[in-house]
Amino acid sequence: MGKKGPEFTIVTDSTMLKIGDKITIRIEISTQQDLDYVCINDVRAACIEPINTYSGYVAIGRFGYYQLTDANSTNFYIHFLSSPKLL
């Protein structure tokens, strides 16, 4: 925690992590066209355990997806993924 809230640093091959460290996984997806029924499989290393182990529908504004947490991965099922509209 920093003075203005959580601070993030990039984990590289030389970064030493300790037991109990929390890491944040960031997935960025870009598309040039609208997509229906997208499945994203986020595979974890054997030593990493998720904090949110629930499965269910998640809605963030107008964007929604179904999250399924498994023993070694988390799957995200997106019904519709829209592309940015270029002018």
PDB file of N, CA and C in Angstrom:
ATOM      1  N   MET A   1       0.849  -1.185   0.000  1.00  0.00           N
ATOM      2  CA  MET A   1       0.000   0.000   0.000  1.00  0.00           C
ATOM      3  C   MET A   1       0.889   1.241   0.000  1.00  0.00           C
ATOM      4  N   GLY A   2       0.537   2.144  -0.864  1.00  0.00           N
ATOM      5  CA  GLY A   2       1.259   3.402  -0.936  1.00  0.00           C
ATOM      6  C   GLY A   2       0.445   4.513  -0.297  1.00  0.00           C
ATOM      7  N   LYS A   3       0.900   5.726  -0.491  1.00  0.00           N
ATOM      8  CA  LYS A   3       0.204   6.879   0.081  1.00  0.00           C
ATOM      9  C   LYS A   3      -1.156   7.096  -0.560  1.00  0.00           C
ATOM     10  N   LYS A   4      -1.302   6.716  -1.839  1.00  0.00           N
ATOM     11  CA  LYS A   4      -2.560   6.925  -2.555  1.00  0.00           C
ATOM     12  C   LYS A   4      -3.342   5.640  -2.769  1.00  0.00           C
ATOM     13  N   GLY A   5      -2.994   4.566  -2.092  1.00  0.00           N
ATOM     14  CA  GLY A   5      -3.704   3.301  -2.241  1.00  0.00           C
ATOM     15  C   GLY A   5      -2.785   2.192  -2.700  1.00  0.00           C
ATOM     16  N   PRO A   6      -3.335   1.154  -3.319  1.00  0.00           N
ATOM     17  CA  PRO A   6      -2.515   0.030  -3.752  1.00  0.00           C
ATOM     18  C   PRO A   6      -1.526   0.438  -4.838  1.00  0.00           C
ATOM     19  N   GLU A   7      -0.332  -0.083  -4.738  1.00  0.00           N
ATOM     20  CA  GLU A   7       0.693   0.149  -5.746  1.00  0.00           C
ATOM     21  C   GLU A   7       1.041  -1.184  -6.394  1.00  0.00           C
ATOM     22  N   PHE A   8       1.161  -1.182  -7.707  1.00  0.00           N
ATOM     23  CA  PHE A   8       1.448  -2.395  -8.450  1.00  0.00           C
ATOM     24  C   PHE A   8       2.838  -2.301  -9.071  1.00  0.00           C
ATOM     25  N   THR A   9       3.559  -3.417  -9.048  1.00  0.00           N
ATOM     26  CA  THR A   9       4.842  -3.522  -9.737  1.00  0.00           C
ATOM     27  C   THR A   9       4.779  -4.726 -10.666  1.00  0.00           C
ATOM     28  N   ILE A  10       5.526  -4.669 -11.733  1.00  0.00           N
ATOM     29  CA  ILE A  10       5.535  -5.759 -12.704  1.00  0.00           C
ATOM     30  C   ILE A  10       6.442  -6.881 -12.194  1.00  0.00           C
ATOM     31  N   VAL A  11       5.937  -8.110 -12.220  1.00  0.00           N
ATOM     32  CA  VAL A  11       6.705  -9.275 -11.804  1.00  0.00           C
ATOM     33  C   VAL A  11       7.490  -9.783 -13.007  1.00  0.00           C
ATOM     34  N   THR A  12       8.804  -9.897 -12.846  1.00  0.00           N
ATOM     35  CA  THR A  12       9.672 -10.401 -13.906  1.00  0.00           C
ATOM     36  C   THR A  12      10.352 -11.678 -13.432  1.00  0.00           C
ATOM     37  N   ASP A  13      11.213 -12.237 -14.271  1.00  0.00           N
ATOM     38  CA  ASP A  13      11.931 -13.462 -13.904  1.00  0.00           C
ATOM     39  C   ASP A  13      12.835 -13.263 -12.689  1.00  0.00           C
ATOM     40  N   SER A  14      13.307 -12.042 -12.467  1.00  0.00           N
ATOM     41  CA  SER A  14      14.227 -11.792 -11.356  1.00  0.00           C
ATOM     42  C   SER A  14      13.506 -11.357 -10.077  1.00  0.00           C
ATOM     43  N   THR A  15      12.176 -11.212 -10.120  1.00  0.00           N
ATOM     44  CA  THR A  15      11.422 -10.805  -8.937  1.00  0.00           C
ATOM     45  C   THR A  15      11.325 -11.976  -7.958  1.00  0.00           C
ATOM     46  N   MET A  16      11.653 -11.712  -6.715  1.00  0.00           N
ATOM     47  CA  MET A  16      11.569 -12.734  -5.675  1.00  0.00           C
ATOM     48  C   MET A  16      10.236 -12.585  -4.937  1.00  0.00           C
ATOM     49  N   LEU A  17       9.381 -13.580  -5.061  1.00  0.00           N
ATOM     50  CA  LEU A  17       8.107 -13.590  -4.353  1.00  0.00           C
ATOM     51  C   LEU A  17       8.241 -14.422  -3.088  1.00  0.00           C
ATOM     52  N   LYS A  18       7.504 -14.028  -2.051  1.00  0.00           N
ATOM     53  CA  LYS A  18       7.524 -14.748  -0.784  1.00  0.00           C
ATOM     54  C   LYS A  18       6.173 -15.411  -0.563  1.00  0.00           C
ATOM     55  N   ILE A  19       6.135 -16.384   0.312  1.00  0.00           N
ATOM     56  CA  ILE A  19       4.869 -17.022   0.672  1.00  0.00           C
ATOM     57  C   ILE A  19       3.954 -15.963   1.267  1.00  0.00           C
ATOM     58  N   GLY A  20       2.740 -15.920   0.784  1.00  0.00           N
ATOM     59  CA  GLY A  20       1.771 -14.955   1.267  1.00  0.00           C
ATOM     60  C   GLY A  20       1.663 -13.710   0.414  1.00  0.00           C
ATOM     61  N   ASP A  21       2.579 -13.515  -0.544  1.00  0.00           N
ATOM     62  CA  ASP A  21       2.479 -12.364  -1.447  1.00  0.00           C
ATOM     63  C   ASP A  21       1.220 -12.491  -2.294  1.00  0.00           C
ATOM     64  N   LYS A  22       0.576 -11.377  -2.541  1.00  0.00           N
ATOM     65  CA  LYS A  22      -0.602 -11.362  -3.404  1.00  0.00           C
ATOM     66  C   LYS A  22      -0.201 -10.783  -4.747  1.00  0.00           C
ATOM     67  N   ILE A  23      -0.621 -11.462  -5.807  1.00  0.00           N
ATOM     68  CA  ILE A  23      -0.347 -10.975  -7.148  1.00  0.00           C
ATOM     69  C   ILE A  23      -1.674 -10.724  -7.868  1.00  0.00           C
ATOM     70  N   THR A  24      -1.661  -9.792  -8.778  1.00  0.00           N
ATOM     71  CA  THR A  24      -2.840  -9.473  -9.576  1.00  0.00           C
ATOM     72  C   THR A  24      -2.548  -9.848 -11.015  1.00  0.00           C
ATOM     73  N   ILE A  25      -3.424 -10.653 -11.592  1.00  0.00           N
ATOM     74  CA  ILE A  25      -3.296 -11.057 -12.991  1.00  0.00           C
ATOM     75  C   ILE A  25      -4.141 -10.104 -13.823  1.00  0.00           C
ATOM     76  N   ARG A  26      -3.544  -9.555 -14.863  1.00  0.00           N
ATOM     77  CA  ARG A  26      -4.261  -8.632 -15.743  1.00  0.00           C
ATOM     78  C   ARG A  26      -4.304  -9.236 -17.137  1.00  0.00           C
ATOM     79  N   ILE A  27      -5.512  -9.408 -17.655  1.00  0.00           N
ATOM     80  CA  ILE A  27      -5.703  -9.967 -18.987  1.00  0.00           C
ATOM     81  C   ILE A  27      -6.267  -8.866 -19.871  1.00  0.00           C
ATOM     82  N   GLU A  28      -5.592  -8.590 -20.970  1.00  0.00           N
ATOM     83  CA  GLU A  28      -6.067  -7.587 -21.920  1.00  0.00           C
ATOM     84  C   GLU A  28      -6.435  -8.281 -23.220  1.00  0.00           C
ATOM     85  N   ILE A  29      -7.611  -7.961 -23.727  1.00  0.00           N
ATOM     86  CA  ILE A  29      -8.103  -8.562 -24.960  1.00  0.00           C
ATOM     87  C   ILE A  29      -8.443  -7.439 -25.922  1.00  0.00           C
ATOM     88  N   SER A  30      -7.985  -7.561 -27.154  1.00  0.00           N
ATOM     89  CA  SER A  30      -8.366  -6.581 -28.172  1.00  0.00           C
ATOM     90  C   SER A  30      -8.849  -7.338 -29.401  1.00  0.00           C
ATOM     91  N   THR A  31      -9.840  -6.779 -30.035  1.00  0.00           N
ATOM     92  CA  THR A  31     -10.411  -7.393 -31.225  1.00  0.00           C
ATOM     93  C   THR A  31     -10.791  -6.301 -32.211  1.00  0.00           C
ATOM     94  N   GLN A  32     -10.766  -6.639 -33.480  1.00  0.00           N
ATOM     95  CA  GLN A  32     -11.134  -5.673 -34.510  1.00  0.00           C
ATOM     96  C   GLN A  32     -12.568  -5.873 -34.983  1.00  0.00           C
ATOM     97  N   GLN A  33     -13.230  -6.890 -34.452  1.00  0.00           N
ATOM     98  CA  GLN A  33     -14.616  -7.138 -34.807  1.00  0.00           C
ATOM     99  C   GLN A  33     -15.365  -7.646 -33.575  1.00  0.00           C
ATOM    100  N   ASP A  34     -16.675  -7.540 -33.612  1.00  0.00           N
ATOM    101  CA  ASP A  34     -17.496  -8.043 -32.519  1.00  0.00           C
ATOM    102  C   ASP A  34     -17.425  -9.563 -32.497  1.00  0.00           C
ATOM    103  N   LEU A  35     -17.362 -10.125 -31.294  1.00  0.00           N
ATOM    104  CA  LEU A  35     -17.256 -11.576 -31.141  1.00  0.00           C
ATOM    105  C   LEU A  35     -18.389 -12.100 -30.262  1.00  0.00           C
ATOM    106  N   ASP A  36     -18.924 -13.253 -30.625  1.00  0.00           N
ATOM    107  CA  ASP A  36     -19.923 -13.952 -29.823  1.00  0.00           C
ATOM    108  C   ASP A  36     -19.284 -15.183 -29.192  1.00  0.00           C
ATOM    109  N   TYR A  37     -19.648 -15.471 -27.961  1.00  0.00           N
ATOM    110  CA  TYR A  37     -19.254 -16.699 -27.260  1.00  0.00           C
ATOM    111  C   TYR A  37     -17.735 -16.876 -27.215  1.00  0.00           C
ATOM    112  N   VAL A  38     -17.093 -16.051 -26.409  1.00  0.00           N
ATOM    113  CA  VAL A  38     -15.638 -16.091 -26.235  1.00  0.00           C
ATOM    114  C   VAL A  38     -15.332 -16.848 -24.949  1.00  0.00           C
ATOM    115  N   CYS A  39     -14.358 -17.751 -25.010  1.00  0.00           N
ATOM    116  CA  CYS A  39     -13.902 -18.494 -23.828  1.00  0.00           C
ATOM    117  C   CYS A  39     -12.430 -18.172 -23.598  1.00  0.00           C
ATOM    118  N   ILE A  40     -12.098 -17.737 -22.389  1.00  0.00           N
ATOM    119  CA  ILE A  40     -10.717 -17.431 -22.023  1.00  0.00           C
ATOM    120  C   ILE A  40     -10.333 -18.374 -20.891  1.00  0.00           C
ATOM    121  N   ASN A  41      -9.221 -19.069 -21.059  1.00  0.00           N
ATOM    122  CA  ASN A  41      -8.732 -20.019 -20.067  1.00  0.00           C
ATOM    123  C   ASN A  41      -7.467 -19.445 -19.438  1.00  0.00           C
ATOM    124  N   ASP A  42      -7.537 -19.080 -18.163  1.00  0.00           N
ATOM    125  CA  ASP A  42      -6.400 -18.528 -17.423  1.00  0.00           C
ATOM    126  C   ASP A  42      -5.827 -19.631 -16.542  1.00  0.00           C
ATOM    127  N   VAL A  43      -4.722 -20.230 -16.982  1.00  0.00           N
ATOM    128  CA  VAL A  43      -4.102 -21.350 -16.265  1.00  0.00           C
ATOM    129  C   VAL A  43      -3.148 -20.803 -15.205  1.00  0.00           C
ATOM    130  N   ARG A  44      -3.206 -21.380 -13.995  1.00  0.00           N
ATOM    131  CA  ARG A  44      -2.356 -20.951 -12.883  1.00  0.00           C
ATOM    132  C   ARG A  44      -1.211 -21.932 -12.675  1.00  0.00           C
ATOM    133  N   ALA A  45      -0.132 -21.423 -12.104  1.00  0.00           N
ATOM    134  CA  ALA A  45       0.971 -22.280 -11.683  1.00  0.00           C
ATOM    135  C   ALA A  45       0.531 -23.071 -10.452  1.00  0.00           C
ATOM    136  N   ALA A  46       1.231 -24.140 -10.158  1.00  0.00           N
ATOM    137  CA  ALA A  46       0.839 -25.032  -9.059  1.00  0.00           C
ATOM    138  C   ALA A  46       0.883 -24.339  -7.703  1.00  0.00           C
ATOM    139  N   CYS A  47       1.719 -23.332  -7.544  1.00  0.00           N
ATOM    140  CA  CYS A  47       1.883 -22.688  -6.235  1.00  0.00           C
ATOM    141  C   CYS A  47       0.949 -21.500  -6.027  1.00  0.00           C
ATOM    142  N   ILE A  48       0.111 -21.186  -6.992  1.00  0.00           N
ATOM    143  CA  ILE A  48      -0.754 -20.011  -6.893  1.00  0.00           C
ATOM    144  C   ILE A  48      -2.195 -20.453  -6.657  1.00  0.00           C
ATOM    145  N   GLU A  49      -2.820 -19.877  -5.635  1.00  0.00           N
ATOM    146  CA  GLU A  49      -4.206 -20.172  -5.303  1.00  0.00           C
ATOM    147  C   GLU A  49      -5.035 -18.901  -5.444  1.00  0.00           C
ATOM    148  N   PRO A  50      -6.227 -18.990  -6.025  1.00  0.00           N
ATOM    149  CA  PRO A  50      -7.052 -17.791  -6.191  1.00  0.00           C
ATOM    150  C   PRO A  50      -7.702 -17.364  -4.879  1.00  0.00           C
ATOM    151  N   ILE A  51      -7.944 -16.072  -4.741  1.00  0.00           N
ATOM    152  CA  ILE A  51      -8.663 -15.556  -3.573  1.00  0.00           C
ATOM    153  C   ILE A  51     -10.159 -15.751  -3.767  1.00  0.00           C
ATOM    154  N   ASN A  52     -10.643 -15.395  -4.966  1.00  0.00           N
ATOM    155  CA  ASN A  52     -12.061 -15.572  -5.282  1.00  0.00           C
ATOM    156  C   ASN A  52     -12.257 -16.942  -5.904  1.00  0.00           C
ATOM    157  N   THR A  53     -12.796 -17.871  -5.142  1.00  0.00           N
ATOM    158  CA  THR A  53     -12.975 -19.228  -5.632  1.00  0.00           C
ATOM    159  C   THR A  53     -14.409 -19.507  -6.064  1.00  0.00           C
ATOM    160  N   TYR A  54     -15.228 -18.474  -6.079  1.00  0.00           N
ATOM    161  CA  TYR A  54     -16.618 -18.673  -6.453  1.00  0.00           C
ATOM    162  C   TYR A  54     -16.751 -18.760  -7.974  1.00  0.00           C
ATOM    163  N   SER A  55     -17.788 -19.401  -8.403  1.00  0.00           N
ATOM    164  CA  SER A  55     -18.143 -19.433  -9.811  1.00  0.00           C
ATOM    165  C   SER A  55     -19.500 -18.770  -9.951  1.00  0.00           C
ATOM    166  N   GLY A  56     -19.678 -18.018 -11.014  1.00  0.00           N
ATOM    167  CA  GLY A  56     -20.954 -17.359 -11.229  1.00  0.00           C
ATOM    168  C   GLY A  56     -20.829 -16.215 -12.201  1.00  0.00           C
ATOM    169  N   TYR A  57     -21.935 -15.555 -12.419  1.00  0.00           N
ATOM    170  CA  TYR A  57     -21.993 -14.448 -13.365  1.00  0.00           C
ATOM    171  C   TYR A  57     -21.480 -13.178 -12.705  1.00  0.00           C
ATOM    172  N   VAL A  58     -20.651 -12.433 -13.433  1.00  0.00           N
ATOM    173  CA  VAL A  58     -20.092 -11.173 -12.952  1.00  0.00           C
ATOM    174  C   VAL A  58     -20.480 -10.089 -13.950  1.00  0.00           C
ATOM    175  N   ALA A  59     -21.014  -8.985 -13.464  1.00  0.00           N
ATOM    176  CA  ALA A  59     -21.386  -7.870 -14.328  1.00  0.00           C
ATOM    177  C   ALA A  59     -20.623  -6.629 -13.888  1.00  0.00           C
ATOM    178  N   ILE A  60     -19.964  -5.991 -14.863  1.00  0.00           N
ATOM    179  CA  ILE A  60     -19.247  -4.743 -14.621  1.00  0.00           C
ATOM    180  C   ILE A  60     -19.809  -3.736 -15.627  1.00  0.00           C
ATOM    181  N   GLY A  61     -20.713  -2.917 -15.166  1.00  0.00           N
ATOM    182  CA  GLY A  61     -21.386  -1.995 -16.078  1.00  0.00           C
ATOM    183  C   GLY A  61     -22.226  -2.772 -17.081  1.00  0.00           C
ATOM    184  N   ARG A  62     -21.996  -2.533 -18.370  1.00  0.00           N
ATOM    185  CA  ARG A  62     -22.727  -3.246 -19.421  1.00  0.00           C
ATOM    186  C   ARG A  62     -21.997  -4.504 -19.865  1.00  0.00           C
ATOM    187  N   PHE A  63     -20.825  -4.757 -19.326  1.00  0.00           N
ATOM    188  CA  PHE A  63     -20.036  -5.930 -19.683  1.00  0.00           C
ATOM    189  C   PHE A  63     -20.267  -7.026 -18.647  1.00  0.00           C
ATOM    190  N   GLY A  64     -20.521  -8.250 -19.105  1.00  0.00           N
ATOM    191  CA  GLY A  64     -20.752  -9.347 -18.186  1.00  0.00           C
ATOM    192  C   GLY A  64     -20.124 -10.627 -18.689  1.00  0.00           C
ATOM    193  N   TYR A  65     -19.798 -11.518 -17.766  1.00  0.00           N
ATOM    194  CA  TYR A  65     -19.197 -12.806 -18.111  1.00  0.00           C
ATOM    195  C   TYR A  65     -19.490 -13.806 -17.017  1.00  0.00           C
ATOM    196  N   TYR A  66     -19.381 -15.080 -17.353  1.00  0.00           N
ATOM    197  CA  TYR A  66     -19.518 -16.161 -16.376  1.00  0.00           C
ATOM    198  C   TYR A  66     -18.121 -16.640 -16.023  1.00  0.00           C
ATOM    199  N   GLN A  67     -17.814 -16.706 -14.736  1.00  0.00           N
ATOM    200  CA  GLN A  67     -16.497 -17.121 -14.259  1.00  0.00           C
ATOM    201  C   GLN A  67     -16.608 -18.490 -13.613  1.00  0.00           C
ATOM    202  N   LEU A  68     -15.767 -19.415 -14.045  1.00  0.00           N
ATOM    203  CA  LEU A  68     -15.743 -20.764 -13.497  1.00  0.00           C
ATOM    204  C   LEU A  68     -14.339 -21.047 -12.972  1.00  0.00           C
ATOM    205  N   THR A  69     -14.205 -21.138 -11.653  1.00  0.00           N
ATOM    206  CA  THR A  69     -12.909 -21.381 -11.032  1.00  0.00           C
ATOM    207  C   THR A  69     -12.725 -22.872 -10.819  1.00  0.00           C
ATOM    208  N   ASP A  70     -11.625 -23.407 -11.329  1.00  0.00           N
ATOM    209  CA  ASP A  70     -11.309 -24.825 -11.254  1.00  0.00           C
ATOM    210  C   ASP A  70     -10.052 -24.994 -10.399  1.00  0.00           C
ATOM    211  N   ALA A  71      -9.576 -26.217 -10.227  1.00  0.00           N
ATOM    212  CA  ALA A  71      -8.407 -26.497  -9.396  1.00  0.00           C
ATOM    213  C   ALA A  71      -7.136 -25.857  -9.950  1.00  0.00           C
ATOM    214  N   ASN A  72      -6.995 -25.812 -11.260  1.00  0.00           N
ATOM    215  CA  ASN A  72      -5.743 -25.291 -11.821  1.00  0.00           C
ATOM    216  C   ASN A  72      -5.945 -24.167 -12.834  1.00  0.00           C
ATOM    217  N   SER A  73      -7.172 -23.695 -13.007  1.00  0.00           N
ATOM    218  CA  SER A  73      -7.406 -22.615 -13.960  1.00  0.00           C
ATOM    219  C   SER A  73      -8.703 -21.892 -13.630  1.00  0.00           C
ATOM    220  N   THR A  74      -8.865 -20.750 -14.255  1.00  0.00           N
ATOM    221  CA  THR A  74     -10.119 -20.016 -14.194  1.00  0.00           C
ATOM    222  C   THR A  74     -10.564 -19.778 -15.622  1.00  0.00           C
ATOM    223  N   ASN A  75     -11.795 -20.128 -15.914  1.00  0.00           N
ATOM    224  CA  ASN A  75     -12.351 -19.940 -17.250  1.00  0.00           C
ATOM    225  C   ASN A  75     -13.342 -18.786 -17.215  1.00  0.00           C
ATOM    226  N   PHE A  76     -13.275 -17.963 -18.253  1.00  0.00           N
ATOM    227  CA  PHE A  76     -14.189 -16.845 -18.411  1.00  0.00           C
ATOM    228  C   PHE A  76     -14.979 -17.066 -19.696  1.00  0.00           C
ATOM    229  N   TYR A  77     -16.291 -17.040 -19.591  1.00  0.00           N
ATOM    230  CA  TYR A  77     -17.166 -17.229 -20.737  1.00  0.00           C
ATOM    231  C   TYR A  77     -17.893 -15.911 -20.994  1.00  0.00           C
ATOM    232  N   ILE A  78     -17.609 -15.318 -22.144  1.00  0.00           N
ATOM    233  CA  ILE A  78     -18.176 -14.024 -22.494  1.00  0.00           C
ATOM    234  C   ILE A  78     -19.192 -14.232 -23.616  1.00  0.00           C
ATOM    235  N   HIS A  79     -20.416 -13.809 -23.387  1.00  0.00           N
ATOM    236  CA  HIS A  79     -21.471 -13.980 -24.384  1.00  0.00           C
ATOM    237  C   HIS A  79     -21.242 -13.081 -25.592  1.00  0.00           C
ATOM    238  N   PHE A  80     -20.848 -11.836 -25.361  1.00  0.00           N
ATOM    239  CA  PHE A  80     -20.626 -10.904 -26.455  1.00  0.00           C
ATOM    240  C   PHE A  80     -19.479  -9.974 -26.090  1.00  0.00           C
ATOM    241  N   LEU A  81     -18.499  -9.858 -26.986  1.00  0.00           N
ATOM    242  CA  LEU A  81     -17.348  -8.983 -26.799  1.00  0.00           C
ATOM    243  C   LEU A  81     -17.321  -8.007 -27.970  1.00  0.00           C
ATOM    244  N   SER A  82     -17.523  -6.731 -27.675  1.00  0.00           N
ATOM    245  CA  SER A  82     -17.593  -5.751 -28.751  1.00  0.00           C
ATOM    246  C   SER A  82     -16.234  -5.117 -28.997  1.00  0.00           C
ATOM    247  N   SER A  83     -16.011  -4.759 -30.249  1.00  0.00           N
ATOM    248  CA  SER A  83     -14.775  -4.083 -30.631  1.00  0.00           C
ATOM    249  C   SER A  83     -14.945  -2.592 -30.424  1.00  0.00           C
ATOM    250  N   PRO A  84     -13.826  -1.881 -30.247  1.00  0.00           N
ATOM    251  CA  PRO A  84     -13.951  -0.420 -30.138  1.00  0.00           C
ATOM    252  C   PRO A  84     -14.389   0.162 -31.475  1.00  0.00           C
ATOM    253  N   LYS A  85     -15.270   1.081 -31.427  1.00  0.00           N
ATOM    254  CA  LYS A  85     -15.765   1.699 -32.667  1.00  0.00           C
ATOM    255  C   LYS A  85     -14.830   2.822 -33.067  1.00  0.00           C
ATOM    256  N   LEU A  86     -14.171   2.639 -34.196  1.00  0.00           N
ATOM    257  CA  LEU A  86     -13.243   3.652 -34.688  1.00  0.00           C
ATOM    258  C   LEU A  86     -13.985   4.644 -35.570  1.00  0.00           C
ATOM    259  N   LEU A  87     -13.653   5.912 -35.433  1.00  0.00           N
ATOM    260  CA  LEU A  87     -14.306   6.956 -36.243  1.00  0.00           C
ATOM    261  C   LEU A  87     -13.516   7.220 -37.491  1.00  0.00           C
TER     262      LEU A  87
END
